[in-house]
PDB file of all heavy atoms in Angstrom:
ATOM      1  N   ILE A   1       0.861  -1.180   0.000  1.00  0.00           N
ATOM      2  CA  ILE A   1       0.000   0.000   0.000  1.00  0.00           C
ATOM      3  C   ILE A   1       0.894   1.225   0.000  1.00  0.00           C
ATOM      4  O   ILE A   1       1.934   1.253   0.670  1.00  0.00           O
ATOM      5  CB  ILE A   1      -0.956   0.007   1.212  1.00  0.00           C
ATOM      6  CG1 ILE A   1      -1.945   1.175   1.100  1.00  0.00           C
ATOM      7  CG2 ILE A   1      -0.202   0.043   2.536  1.00  0.00           C
ATOM      8  CD1 ILE A   1      -3.106   1.073   2.069  1.00  0.00           C
ATOM      9  N   GLY A   2       0.526   2.224  -0.802  1.00  0.00           N
ATOM     10  CA  GLY A   2       1.410   3.371  -0.931  1.00  0.00           C
ATOM     11  C   GLY A   2       0.685   4.678  -1.176  1.00  0.00           C
ATOM     12  O   GLY A   2      -0.504   4.718  -1.499  1.00  0.00           O
ATOM     13  N   PHE A   3       1.458   5.739  -1.017  1.00  0.00           N
ATOM     14  CA  PHE A   3       1.017   7.103  -1.316  1.00  0.00           C
ATOM     15  C   PHE A   3       2.083   7.685  -2.227  1.00  0.00           C
ATOM     16  O   PHE A   3       3.248   7.795  -1.833  1.00  0.00           O
ATOM     17  CB  PHE A   3       0.883   7.920  -0.025  1.00  0.00           C
ATOM     18  CG  PHE A   3       0.363   9.312  -0.223  1.00  0.00           C
ATOM     19  CD1 PHE A   3      -1.004   9.549  -0.312  1.00  0.00           C
ATOM     20  CD2 PHE A   3       1.230  10.390  -0.339  1.00  0.00           C
ATOM     21  CE1 PHE A   3      -1.493  10.831  -0.511  1.00  0.00           C
ATOM     22  CE2 PHE A   3       0.753  11.664  -0.530  1.00  0.00           C
ATOM     23  CZ  PHE A   3      -0.612  11.888  -0.619  1.00  0.00           C
ATOM     24  N   ARG A   4       1.707   8.045  -3.469  1.00  0.00           N
ATOM     25  CA  ARG A   4       2.685   8.373  -4.499  1.00  0.00           C
ATOM     26  C   ARG A   4       2.256   9.559  -5.346  1.00  0.00           C
ATOM     27  O   ARG A   4       1.106   9.990  -5.296  1.00  0.00           O
ATOM     28  CB  ARG A   4       2.878   7.166  -5.426  1.00  0.00           C
ATOM     29  CG  ARG A   4       3.262   5.875  -4.741  1.00  0.00           C
ATOM     30  CD  ARG A   4       3.142   4.698  -5.689  1.00  0.00           C
ATOM     31  NE  ARG A   4       3.567   3.442  -5.082  1.00  0.00           N
ATOM     32  CZ  ARG A   4       3.353   2.243  -5.611  1.00  0.00           C
ATOM     33  NH1 ARG A   4       2.694   2.161  -6.777  1.00  0.00           N
ATOM     34  NH2 ARG A   4       3.769   1.158  -4.999  1.00  0.00           N
ATOM     35  N   SER A   5       3.203  10.026  -6.155  1.00  0.00           N
ATOM     36  CA  SER A   5       2.852  10.997  -7.188  1.00  0.00           C
ATOM     37  C   SER A   5       1.948  10.308  -8.201  1.00  0.00           C
ATOM     38  O   SER A   5       1.984   9.078  -8.359  1.00  0.00           O
ATOM     39  CB  SER A   5       4.108  11.515  -7.889  1.00  0.00           C
ATOM     40  OG  SER A   5       4.726  10.485  -8.643  1.00  0.00           O
ATOM     41  N   ALA A   6       1.129  11.076  -8.912  1.00  0.00           N
ATOM     42  CA  ALA A   6       0.149  10.478  -9.817  1.00  0.00           C
ATOM     43  C   ALA A   6       0.784   9.881 -11.066  1.00  0.00           C
ATOM     44  O   ALA A   6       0.342   8.848 -11.570  1.00  0.00           O
ATOM     45  CB  ALA A   6      -0.902  11.514 -10.207  1.00  0.00           C
ATOM     46  N   ALA A   7       1.833  10.524 -11.580  1.00  0.00           N
ATOM     47  CA  ALA A   7       2.479  10.042 -12.805  1.00  0.00           C
ATOM     48  C   ALA A   7       3.236   8.749 -12.536  1.00  0.00           C
ATOM     49  O   ALA A   7       3.863   8.583 -11.487  1.00  0.00           O
ATOM     50  CB  ALA A   7       3.421  11.101 -13.353  1.00  0.00           C
ATOM     51  N   SER A   8       3.154   7.817 -13.481  1.00  0.00           N
ATOM     52  CA  SER A   8       3.831   6.525 -13.351  1.00  0.00           C
ATOM     53  C   SER A   8       5.174   6.544 -14.060  1.00  0.00           C
ATOM     54  O   SER A   8       5.363   7.287 -15.027  1.00  0.00           O
ATOM     55  CB  SER A   8       2.965   5.411 -13.948  1.00  0.00           C
ATOM     56  OG  SER A   8       1.738   5.280 -13.254  1.00  0.00           O
ATOM     57  N   PRO A   9       6.116   5.726 -13.620  1.00  0.00           N
ATOM     58  CA  PRO A   9       7.396   5.624 -14.328  1.00  0.00           C
ATOM     59  C   PRO A   9       7.190   5.085 -15.731  1.00  0.00           C
ATOM     60  O   PRO A   9       6.232   4.349 -15.992  1.00  0.00           O
ATOM     61  CB  PRO A   9       8.221   4.671 -13.458  1.00  0.00           C
ATOM     62  CG  PRO A   9       7.216   3.926 -12.641  1.00  0.00           C
ATOM     63  CD  PRO A   9       6.074   4.855 -12.425  1.00  0.00           C
ATOM     64  N   ASP A  10       8.087   5.448 -16.626  1.00  0.00           N
ATOM     65  CA  ASP A  10       7.932   5.062 -18.029  1.00  0.00           C
ATOM     66  C   ASP A  10       7.959   3.555 -18.233  1.00  0.00           C
ATOM     67  O   ASP A  10       7.379   3.047 -19.198  1.00  0.00           O
ATOM     68  CB  ASP A  10       9.032   5.719 -18.878  1.00  0.00           C
ATOM     69  CG  ASP A  10       8.892   7.244 -18.915  1.00  0.00           C
ATOM     70  OD1 ASP A  10       7.757   7.733 -18.750  1.00  0.00           O
ATOM     71  OD2 ASP A  10       9.917   7.924 -19.106  1.00  0.00           O
ATOM     72  N   ASP A  11       8.636   2.839 -17.349  1.00  0.00           N
ATOM     73  CA  ASP A  11       8.717   1.388 -17.523  1.00  0.00           C
ATOM     74  C   ASP A  11       7.477   0.662 -17.025  1.00  0.00           C
ATOM     75  O   ASP A  11       7.372  -0.562 -17.156  1.00  0.00           O
ATOM     76  CB  ASP A  11       9.966   0.833 -16.829  1.00  0.00           C
ATOM     77  CG  ASP A  11       9.951   1.051 -15.308  1.00  0.00           C
ATOM     78  OD1 ASP A  11       8.928   1.547 -14.781  1.00  0.00           O
ATOM     79  OD2 ASP A  11      10.965   0.734 -14.671  1.00  0.00           O
ATOM     80  N   GLY A  12       6.531   1.401 -16.442  1.00  0.00           N
ATOM     81  CA  GLY A  12       5.282   0.790 -15.999  1.00  0.00           C
ATOM     82  C   GLY A  12       5.437  -0.175 -14.849  1.00  0.00           C
ATOM     83  O   GLY A  12       4.598  -1.053 -14.656  1.00  0.00           O
ATOM     84  N   SER A  13       6.470  -0.004 -14.062  1.00  0.00           N
ATOM     85  CA  SER A  13       6.726  -0.939 -12.963  1.00  0.00           C
ATOM     86  C   SER A  13       5.776  -0.745 -11.792  1.00  0.00           C
ATOM     87  O   SER A  13       5.534  -1.684 -11.027  1.00  0.00           O
ATOM     88  CB  SER A  13       8.177  -0.796 -12.480  1.00  0.00           C
ATOM     89  OG  SER A  13       8.448   0.549 -12.095  1.00  0.00           O
ATOM     90  N   THR A  14       5.238   0.463 -11.627  1.00  0.00           N
ATOM     91  CA  THR A  14       4.311   0.741 -10.531  1.00  0.00           C
ATOM     92  C   THR A  14       3.195   1.644 -11.024  1.00  0.00           C
ATOM     93  O   THR A  14       3.304   2.293 -12.076  1.00  0.00           O
ATOM     94  CB  THR A  14       5.014   1.444  -9.352  1.00  0.00           C
ATOM     95  OG1 THR A  14       5.520   2.716  -9.783  1.00  0.00           O
ATOM     96  CG2 THR A  14       6.154   0.596  -8.808  1.00  0.00           C
ATOM     97  N   VAL A  15       2.123   1.702 -10.242  1.00  0.00           N
ATOM     98  CA  VAL A  15       1.057   2.674 -10.486  1.00  0.00           C
ATOM     99  C   VAL A  15       1.468   3.952  -9.763  1.00  0.00           C
ATOM    100  O   VAL A  15       1.564   3.984  -8.534  1.00  0.00           O
ATOM    101  CB  VAL A  15      -0.294   2.171  -9.952  1.00  0.00           C
ATOM    102  CG1 VAL A  15      -1.378   3.226 -10.204  1.00  0.00           C
ATOM    103  CG2 VAL A  15      -0.662   0.851 -10.597  1.00  0.00           C
ATOM    104  N   GLY A  16       1.707   5.019 -10.505  1.00  0.00           N
ATOM    105  CA  GLY A  16       2.211   6.251  -9.910  1.00  0.00           C
ATOM    106  C   GLY A  16       3.641   6.087  -9.428  1.00  0.00           C
ATOM    107  O   GLY A  16       4.282   5.044  -9.617  1.00  0.00           O
ATOM    108  N   GLY A  17       4.150   7.149  -8.810  1.00  0.00           N
ATOM    109  CA  GLY A  17       5.467   7.048  -8.197  1.00  0.00           C
ATOM    110  C   GLY A  17       6.633   7.525  -9.032  1.00  0.00           C
ATOM    111  O   GLY A  17       7.784   7.284  -8.660  1.00  0.00           O
ATOM    112  N   LYS A  18       6.370   8.215 -10.139  1.00  0.00           N
ATOM    113  CA  LYS A  18       7.493   8.687 -10.950  1.00  0.00           C
ATOM    114  C   LYS A  18       8.250   9.812 -10.249  1.00  0.00           C
ATOM    115  O   LYS A  18       9.478   9.883 -10.318  1.00  0.00           O
ATOM    116  CB  LYS A  18       6.994   9.170 -12.312  1.00  0.00           C
ATOM    117  CG  LYS A  18       8.124   9.647 -13.231  1.00  0.00           C
ATOM    118  CD  LYS A  18       7.641   9.929 -14.641  1.00  0.00           C
ATOM    119  CE  LYS A  18       8.817  10.280 -15.544  1.00  0.00           C
ATOM    120  NZ  LYS A  18       8.399  10.472 -16.955  1.00  0.00           N
ATOM    121  N   ASP A  19       7.524  10.692  -9.556  1.00  0.00           N
ATOM    122  CA  ASP A  19       8.145  11.848  -8.909  1.00  0.00           C
ATOM    123  C   ASP A  19       8.422  11.580  -7.431  1.00  0.00           C
ATOM    124  O   ASP A  19       7.636  10.901  -6.759  1.00  0.00           O
ATOM    125  CB  ASP A  19       7.241  13.081  -9.026  1.00  0.00           C
ATOM    126  CG  ASP A  19       6.992  13.488 -10.462  1.00  0.00           C
ATOM    127  OD1 ASP A  19       7.809  13.145 -11.327  1.00  0.00           O
ATOM    128  OD2 ASP A  19       5.952  14.143 -10.715  1.00  0.00           O
ATOM    129  N   ASP A  20       9.518  12.129  -6.951  1.00  0.00           N
ATOM    130  CA  ASP A  20       9.817  12.128  -5.518  1.00  0.00           C
ATOM    131  C   ASP A  20       8.965  13.226  -4.882  1.00  0.00           C
ATOM    132  O   ASP A  20       9.107  14.403  -5.216  1.00  0.00           O
ATOM    133  CB  ASP A  20      11.303  12.399  -5.304  1.00  0.00           C
ATOM    134  CG  ASP A  20      11.696  12.415  -3.837  1.00  0.00           C
ATOM    135  OD1 ASP A  20      10.814  12.309  -2.968  1.00  0.00           O
ATOM    136  OD2 ASP A  20      12.905  12.556  -3.558  1.00  0.00           O
ATOM    137  N   ILE A  21       8.071  12.853  -3.969  1.00  0.00           N
ATOM    138  CA  ILE A  21       7.160  13.839  -3.373  1.00  0.00           C
ATOM    139  C   ILE A  21       7.627  14.285  -1.994  1.00  0.00           C
ATOM    140  O   ILE A  21       6.884  14.972  -1.287  1.00  0.00           O
ATOM    141  CB  ILE A  21       5.720  13.287  -3.292  1.00  0.00           C
ATOM    142  CG1 ILE A  21       5.670  12.006  -2.459  1.00  0.00           C
ATOM    143  CG2 ILE A  21       5.165  13.054  -4.689  1.00  0.00           C
ATOM    144  CD1 ILE A  21       4.265  11.476  -2.238  1.00  0.00           C
ATOM    145  N   SER A  22       8.844  13.925  -1.620  1.00  0.00           N
ATOM    146  CA  SER A  22       9.323  14.282  -0.280  1.00  0.00           C
ATOM    147  C   SER A  22       9.600  15.769  -0.127  1.00  0.00           C
ATOM    148  O   SER A  22       9.824  16.234   0.994  1.00  0.00           O
ATOM    149  CB  SER A  22      10.599  13.497   0.055  1.00  0.00           C
ATOM    150  OG  SER A  22      11.638  13.795  -0.854  1.00  0.00           O
ATOM    151  N   TYR A  23       9.550  16.526  -1.223  1.00  0.00           N
ATOM    152  CA  TYR A  23       9.728  17.974  -1.103  1.00  0.00           C
ATOM    153  C   TYR A  23       8.518  18.641  -0.449  1.00  0.00           C
ATOM    154  O   TYR A  23       8.614  19.758   0.054  1.00  0.00           O
ATOM    155  CB  TYR A  23      10.013  18.607  -2.467  1.00  0.00           C
ATOM    156  CG  TYR A  23       8.877  18.542  -3.460  1.00  0.00           C
ATOM    157  CD1 TYR A  23       7.943  19.569  -3.537  1.00  0.00           C
ATOM    158  CD2 TYR A  23       8.748  17.471  -4.331  1.00  0.00           C
ATOM    159  CE1 TYR A  23       6.898  19.515  -4.448  1.00  0.00           C
ATOM    160  CE2 TYR A  23       7.723  17.403  -5.245  1.00  0.00           C
ATOM    161  CZ  TYR A  23       6.802  18.426  -5.299  1.00  0.00           C
ATOM    162  OH  TYR A  23       5.767  18.367  -6.201  1.00  0.00           O
ATOM    163  N   PHE A  24       7.367  17.942  -0.445  1.00  0.00           N
ATOM    164  CA  PHE A  24       6.204  18.514   0.256  1.00  0.00           C
ATOM    165  C   PHE A  24       5.577  17.549   1.263  1.00  0.00           C
ATOM    166  O   PHE A  24       4.768  17.959   2.093  1.00  0.00           O
ATOM    167  CB  PHE A  24       5.150  19.035  -0.729  1.00  0.00           C
ATOM    168  CG  PHE A  24       4.329  17.997  -1.430  1.00  0.00           C
ATOM    169  CD1 PHE A  24       3.094  17.614  -0.924  1.00  0.00           C
ATOM    170  CD2 PHE A  24       4.763  17.417  -2.620  1.00  0.00           C
ATOM    171  CE1 PHE A  24       2.313  16.672  -1.575  1.00  0.00           C
ATOM    172  CE2 PHE A  24       3.992  16.475  -3.279  1.00  0.00           C
ATOM    173  CZ  PHE A  24       2.771  16.099  -2.762  1.00  0.00           C
ATOM    174  N   VAL A  25       5.963  16.276   1.222  1.00  0.00           N
ATOM    175  CA  VAL A  25       5.468  15.292   2.182  1.00  0.00           C
ATOM    176  C   VAL A  25       6.589  14.920   3.139  1.00  0.00           C
ATOM    177  O   VAL A  25       7.654  14.456   2.708  1.00  0.00           O
ATOM    178  CB  VAL A  25       4.945  14.029   1.469  1.00  0.00           C
ATOM    179  CG1 VAL A  25       4.577  12.958   2.487  1.00  0.00           C
ATOM    180  CG2 VAL A  25       3.736  14.368   0.603  1.00  0.00           C
ATOM    181  N   LYS A  26       6.349  15.117   4.424  1.00  0.00           N
ATOM    182  CA  LYS A  26       7.363  14.794   5.436  1.00  0.00           C
ATOM    183  C   LYS A  26       7.280  13.336   5.858  1.00  0.00           C
ATOM    184  O   LYS A  26       8.301  12.653   5.978  1.00  0.00           O
ATOM    185  CB  LYS A  26       7.181  15.686   6.664  1.00  0.00           C
ATOM    186  CG  LYS A  26       8.216  15.440   7.759  1.00  0.00           C
ATOM    187  CD  LYS A  26       8.015  16.396   8.928  1.00  0.00           C
ATOM    188  CE  LYS A  26       9.085  16.159  10.006  1.00  0.00           C
ATOM    189  NZ  LYS A  26       8.906  17.082  11.150  1.00  0.00           N
ATOM    190  N   ARG A  27       6.074  12.848   6.101  1.00  0.00           N
ATOM    191  CA  ARG A  27       5.897  11.454   6.506  1.00  0.00           C
ATOM    192  C   ARG A  27       4.487  11.003   6.155  1.00  0.00           C
ATOM    193  O   ARG A  27       3.574  11.826   6.002  1.00  0.00           O
ATOM    194  CB  ARG A  27       6.156  11.273   8.000  1.00  0.00           C
ATOM    195  CG  ARG A  27       5.051  11.748   8.910  1.00  0.00           C
ATOM    196  CD  ARG A  27       5.304  11.389  10.363  1.00  0.00           C
ATOM    197  NE  ARG A  27       6.473  12.085  10.882  1.00  0.00           N
ATOM    198  CZ  ARG A  27       6.405  13.271  11.500  1.00  0.00           C
ATOM    199  NH1 ARG A  27       5.230  13.877  11.648  1.00  0.00           N
ATOM    200  NH2 ARG A  27       7.476  13.846  11.950  1.00  0.00           N
ATOM    201  N   VAL A  28       4.341   9.687   6.054  1.00  0.00           N
ATOM    202  CA  VAL A  28       3.033   9.082   5.810  1.00  0.00           C
ATOM    203  C   VAL A  28       2.857   7.954   6.815  1.00  0.00           C
ATOM    204  O   VAL A  28       3.731   7.095   6.962  1.00  0.00           O
ATOM    205  CB  VAL A  28       2.903   8.544   4.375  1.00  0.00           C
ATOM    206  CG1 VAL A  28       1.531   7.901   4.177  1.00  0.00           C
ATOM    207  CG2 VAL A  28       3.118   9.663   3.359  1.00  0.00           C
ATOM    208  N   ALA A  29       1.735   7.969   7.521  1.00  0.00           N
ATOM    209  CA  ALA A  29       1.419   6.936   8.501  1.00  0.00           C
ATOM    210  C   ALA A  29       0.296   6.061   7.956  1.00  0.00           C
ATOM    211  O   ALA A  29      -0.740   6.573   7.511  1.00  0.00           O
ATOM    212  CB  ALA A  29       1.016   7.557   9.828  1.00  0.00           C
ATOM    213  N   PHE A  30       0.507   4.759   7.986  1.00  0.00           N
ATOM    214  CA  PHE A  30      -0.494   3.792   7.532  1.00  0.00           C
ATOM    215  C   PHE A  30      -1.003   3.024   8.756  1.00  0.00           C
ATOM    216  O   PHE A  30      -0.232   2.349   9.439  1.00  0.00           O
ATOM    217  CB  PHE A  30       0.118   2.817   6.532  1.00  0.00           C
ATOM    218  CG  PHE A  30       0.666   3.455   5.289  1.00  0.00           C
ATOM    219  CD1 PHE A  30       1.983   3.892   5.245  1.00  0.00           C
ATOM    220  CD2 PHE A  30      -0.126   3.624   4.164  1.00  0.00           C
ATOM    221  CE1 PHE A  30       2.503   4.476   4.103  1.00  0.00           C
ATOM    222  CE2 PHE A  30       0.381   4.212   3.017  1.00  0.00           C
ATOM    223  CZ  PHE A  30       1.703   4.646   2.983  1.00  0.00           C
ATOM    224  N   LYS A  31      -2.299   3.130   8.999  1.00  0.00           N
ATOM    225  CA  LYS A  31      -2.896   2.416  10.132  1.00  0.00           C
ATOM    226  C   LYS A  31      -3.505   1.122   9.620  1.00  0.00           C
ATOM    227  O   LYS A  31      -4.579   1.105   9.021  1.00  0.00           O
ATOM    228  CB  LYS A  31      -3.958   3.280  10.819  1.00  0.00           C
ATOM    229  CG  LYS A  31      -4.496   2.664  12.103  1.00  0.00           C
ATOM    230  CD  LYS A  31      -5.449   3.615  12.808  1.00  0.00           C
ATOM    231  CE  LYS A  31      -5.946   3.016  14.122  1.00  0.00           C
ATOM    232  NZ  LYS A  31      -6.888   3.941  14.809  1.00  0.00           N
ATOM    233  N   LEU A  32      -2.822   0.001   9.883  1.00  0.00           N
ATOM    234  CA  LEU A  32      -3.259  -1.300   9.420  1.00  0.00           C
ATOM    235  C   LEU A  32      -4.261  -1.907  10.395  1.00  0.00           C
ATOM    236  O   LEU A  32      -4.565  -1.332  11.435  1.00  0.00           O
ATOM    237  CB  LEU A  32      -2.050  -2.229   9.256  1.00  0.00           C
ATOM    238  CG  LEU A  32      -0.870  -1.692   8.442  1.00  0.00           C
ATOM    239  CD1 LEU A  32       0.206  -2.772   8.324  1.00  0.00           C
ATOM    240  CD2 LEU A  32      -1.309  -1.206   7.078  1.00  0.00           C
ATOM    241  N   HIS A  33      -4.732  -3.100  10.044  1.00  0.00           N
ATOM    242  CA  HIS A  33      -5.637  -3.822  10.935  1.00  0.00           C
ATOM    243  C   HIS A  33      -4.912  -4.125  12.238  1.00  0.00           C
ATOM    244  O   HIS A  33      -3.701  -4.387  12.258  1.00  0.00           O
ATOM    245  CB  HIS A  33      -6.103  -5.115  10.258  1.00  0.00           C
ATOM    246  CG  HIS A  33      -7.257  -5.756  10.928  1.00  0.00           C
ATOM    247  ND1 HIS A  33      -7.105  -6.652  11.978  1.00  0.00           N
ATOM    248  CD2 HIS A  33      -8.596  -5.637  10.729  1.00  0.00           C
ATOM    249  CE1 HIS A  33      -8.292  -7.061  12.378  1.00  0.00           C
ATOM    250  NE2 HIS A  33      -9.219  -6.469  11.641  1.00  0.00           N
ATOM    251  N   GLU A  34      -5.652  -4.089  13.325  1.00  0.00           N
ATOM    252  CA  GLU A  34      -5.049  -4.232  14.651  1.00  0.00           C
ATOM    253  C   GLU A  34      -4.392  -5.588  14.880  1.00  0.00           C
ATOM    254  O   GLU A  34      -3.601  -5.759  15.820  1.00  0.00           O
ATOM    255  CB  GLU A  34      -6.109  -4.001  15.724  1.00  0.00           C
ATOM    256  CG  GLU A  34      -7.270  -4.969  15.662  1.00  0.00           C
ATOM    257  CD  GLU A  34      -8.367  -4.649  16.667  1.00  0.00           C
ATOM    258  OE1 GLU A  34      -8.323  -3.549  17.254  1.00  0.00           O
ATOM    259  OE2 GLU A  34      -9.254  -5.496  16.853  1.00  0.00           O
ATOM    260  N   THR A  35      -4.692  -6.568  14.030  1.00  0.00           N
ATOM    261  CA  THR A  35      -4.084  -7.883  14.205  1.00  0.00           C
ATOM    262  C   THR A  35      -2.626  -7.917  13.737  1.00  0.00           C
ATOM    263  O   THR A  35      -1.913  -8.883  14.015  1.00  0.00           O
ATOM    264  CB  THR A  35      -4.886  -8.945  13.432  1.00  0.00           C
ATOM    265  OG1 THR A  35      -5.018  -8.537  12.064  1.00  0.00           O
ATOM    266  CG2 THR A  35      -6.269  -9.121  14.046  1.00  0.00           C
ATOM    267  N   TYR A  36      -2.182  -6.898  13.022  1.00  0.00           N
ATOM    268  CA  TYR A  36      -0.792  -6.845  12.581  1.00  0.00           C
ATOM    269  C   TYR A  36       0.101  -6.334  13.705  1.00  0.00           C
ATOM    270  O   TYR A  36      -0.295  -5.433  14.461  1.00  0.00           O
ATOM    271  CB  TYR A  36      -0.637  -5.925  11.373  1.00  0.00           C
ATOM    272  CG  TYR A  36      -1.041  -6.572  10.065  1.00  0.00           C
ATOM    273  CD1 TYR A  36      -2.352  -6.493   9.609  1.00  0.00           C
ATOM    274  CD2 TYR A  36      -0.116  -7.249   9.286  1.00  0.00           C
ATOM    275  CE1 TYR A  36      -2.736  -7.087   8.413  1.00  0.00           C
ATOM    276  CE2 TYR A  36      -0.481  -7.842   8.088  1.00  0.00           C
ATOM    277  CZ  TYR A  36      -1.786  -7.763   7.665  1.00  0.00           C
ATOM    278  OH  TYR A  36      -2.162  -8.353   6.484  1.00  0.00           O
ATOM    279  N   PRO A  37       1.297  -6.882  13.834  1.00  0.00           N
ATOM    280  CA  PRO A  37       2.247  -6.321  14.807  1.00  0.00           C
ATOM    281  C   PRO A  37       2.552  -4.870  14.429  1.00  0.00           C
ATOM    282  O   PRO A  37       2.739  -4.557  13.258  1.00  0.00           O
ATOM    283  CB  PRO A  37       3.496  -7.204  14.644  1.00  0.00           C
ATOM    284  CG  PRO A  37       3.003  -8.456  13.986  1.00  0.00           C
ATOM    285  CD  PRO A  37       1.845  -8.048  13.127  1.00  0.00           C
ATOM    286  N   ASN A  38       2.581  -3.992  15.421  1.00  0.00           N
ATOM    287  CA  ASN A  38       2.836  -2.582  15.168  1.00  0.00           C
ATOM    288  C   ASN A  38       1.948  -2.075  14.022  1.00  0.00           C
ATOM    289  O   ASN A  38       2.445  -1.740  12.939  1.00  0.00           O
ATOM    290  CB  ASN A  38       4.308  -2.354  14.831  1.00  0.00           C
ATOM    291  CG  ASN A  38       4.624  -0.879  14.612  1.00  0.00           C
ATOM    292  OD1 ASN A  38       3.950   0.001  15.154  1.00  0.00           O
ATOM    293  ND2 ASN A  38       5.639  -0.609  13.806  1.00  0.00           N
ATOM    294  N   PRO A  39       0.628  -2.034  14.218  1.00  0.00           N
ATOM    295  CA  PRO A  39      -0.276  -1.673  13.112  1.00  0.00           C
ATOM    296  C   PRO A  39      -0.125  -0.234  12.614  1.00  0.00           C
ATOM    297  O   PRO A  39      -0.546   0.068  11.497  1.00  0.00           O
ATOM    298  CB  PRO A  39      -1.664  -1.901  13.712  1.00  0.00           C
ATOM    299  CG  PRO A  39      -1.469  -1.774  15.181  1.00  0.00           C
ATOM    300  CD  PRO A  39      -0.103  -2.316  15.461  1.00  0.00           C
ATOM    301  N   ASN A  40       0.457   0.660  13.413  1.00  0.00           N
ATOM    302  CA  ASN A  40       0.661   2.039  12.971  1.00  0.00           C
ATOM    303  C   ASN A  40       2.054   2.162  12.363  1.00  0.00           C
ATOM    304  O   ASN A  40       3.045   2.344  13.065  1.00  0.00           O
ATOM    305  CB  ASN A  40       0.502   3.006  14.152  1.00  0.00           C
ATOM    306  CG  ASN A  40      -0.923   3.018  14.682  1.00  0.00           C
ATOM    307  OD1 ASN A  40      -1.878   3.193  13.933  1.00  0.00           O
ATOM    308  ND2 ASN A  40      -1.073   2.805  15.986  1.00  0.00           N
ATOM    309  N   ARG A  41       2.122   2.057  11.045  1.00  0.00           N
ATOM    310  CA  ARG A  41       3.404   2.088  10.344  1.00  0.00           C
ATOM    311  C   ARG A  41       3.686   3.509   9.867  1.00  0.00           C
ATOM    312  O   ARG A  41       2.901   4.087   9.090  1.00  0.00           O
ATOM    313  CB  ARG A  41       3.379   1.135   9.150  1.00  0.00           C
ATOM    314  CG  ARG A  41       2.935  -0.287   9.494  1.00  0.00           C
ATOM    315  CD  ARG A  41       3.954  -1.020  10.343  1.00  0.00           C
ATOM    316  NE  ARG A  41       3.486  -2.364  10.699  1.00  0.00           N
ATOM    317  CZ  ARG A  41       3.662  -3.439   9.945  1.00  0.00           C
ATOM    318  NH1 ARG A  41       4.293  -3.339   8.780  1.00  0.00           N
ATOM    319  NH2 ARG A  41       3.214  -4.615  10.363  1.00  0.00           N
ATOM    320  N   ILE A  42       4.787   4.067  10.306  1.00  0.00           N
ATOM    321  CA  ILE A  42       5.159   5.437   9.937  1.00  0.00           C
ATOM    322  C   ILE A  42       6.356   5.380   8.997  1.00  0.00           C
ATOM    323  O   ILE A  42       7.401   4.803   9.329  1.00  0.00           O
ATOM    324  CB  ILE A  42       5.496   6.274  11.190  1.00  0.00           C
ATOM    325  CG1 ILE A  42       4.270   6.356  12.103  1.00  0.00           C
ATOM    326  CG2 ILE A  42       5.955   7.667  10.790  1.00  0.00           C
ATOM    327  CD1 ILE A  42       4.523   7.074  13.411  1.00  0.00           C
ATOM    328  N   VAL A  43       6.200   5.981   7.828  1.00  0.00           N
ATOM    329  CA  VAL A  43       7.262   5.999   6.817  1.00  0.00           C
ATOM    330  C   VAL A  43       7.765   7.433   6.686  1.00  0.00           C
ATOM    331  O   VAL A  43       6.999   8.332   6.338  1.00  0.00           O
ATOM    332  CB  VAL A  43       6.750   5.469   5.468  1.00  0.00           C
ATOM    333  CG1 VAL A  43       7.883   5.398   4.453  1.00  0.00           C
ATOM    334  CG2 VAL A  43       6.097   4.098   5.639  1.00  0.00           C
ATOM    335  N   GLU A  44       9.050   7.616   6.952  1.00  0.00           N
ATOM    336  CA  GLU A  44       9.625   8.961   7.014  1.00  0.00           C
ATOM    337  C   GLU A  44      10.299   9.408   5.721  1.00  0.00           C
ATOM    338  O   GLU A  44      10.688  10.557   5.593  1.00  0.00           O
ATOM    339  CB  GLU A  44      10.655   9.027   8.154  1.00  0.00           C
ATOM    340  CG  GLU A  44      10.105   8.684   9.527  1.00  0.00           C
ATOM    341  CD  GLU A  44       9.507   9.888  10.224  1.00  0.00           C
ATOM    342  OE1 GLU A  44       9.514  10.989   9.632  1.00  0.00           O
ATOM    343  OE2 GLU A  44       9.040   9.736  11.371  1.00  0.00           O
ATOM    344  N   LYS A  45      10.473   8.503   4.765  1.00  0.00           N
ATOM    345  CA  LYS A  45      11.142   8.872   3.521  1.00  0.00           C
ATOM    346  C   LYS A  45      10.574   8.047   2.376  1.00  0.00           C
ATOM    347  O   LYS A  45      10.000   6.965   2.604  1.00  0.00           O
ATOM    348  CB  LYS A  45      12.651   8.660   3.641  1.00  0.00           C
ATOM    349  CG  LYS A  45      13.060   7.228   3.954  1.00  0.00           C
ATOM    350  CD  LYS A  45      14.571   7.114   4.104  1.00  0.00           C
ATOM    351  CE  LYS A  45      14.982   5.673   4.425  1.00  0.00           C
ATOM    352  NZ  LYS A  45      16.443   5.552   4.561  1.00  0.00           N
TER     353      LYS A  45
END
């Protein structure tokens, strides 16, 4: 599961993600189902 730029890389390897969005996004937190270990996953880069 991800949070990405809308444009996709030319090789079509992923949906979106061509641009580095860290110039305006500091972190993204994903709250998973409580049955997962450490369900609050914080991604800093």
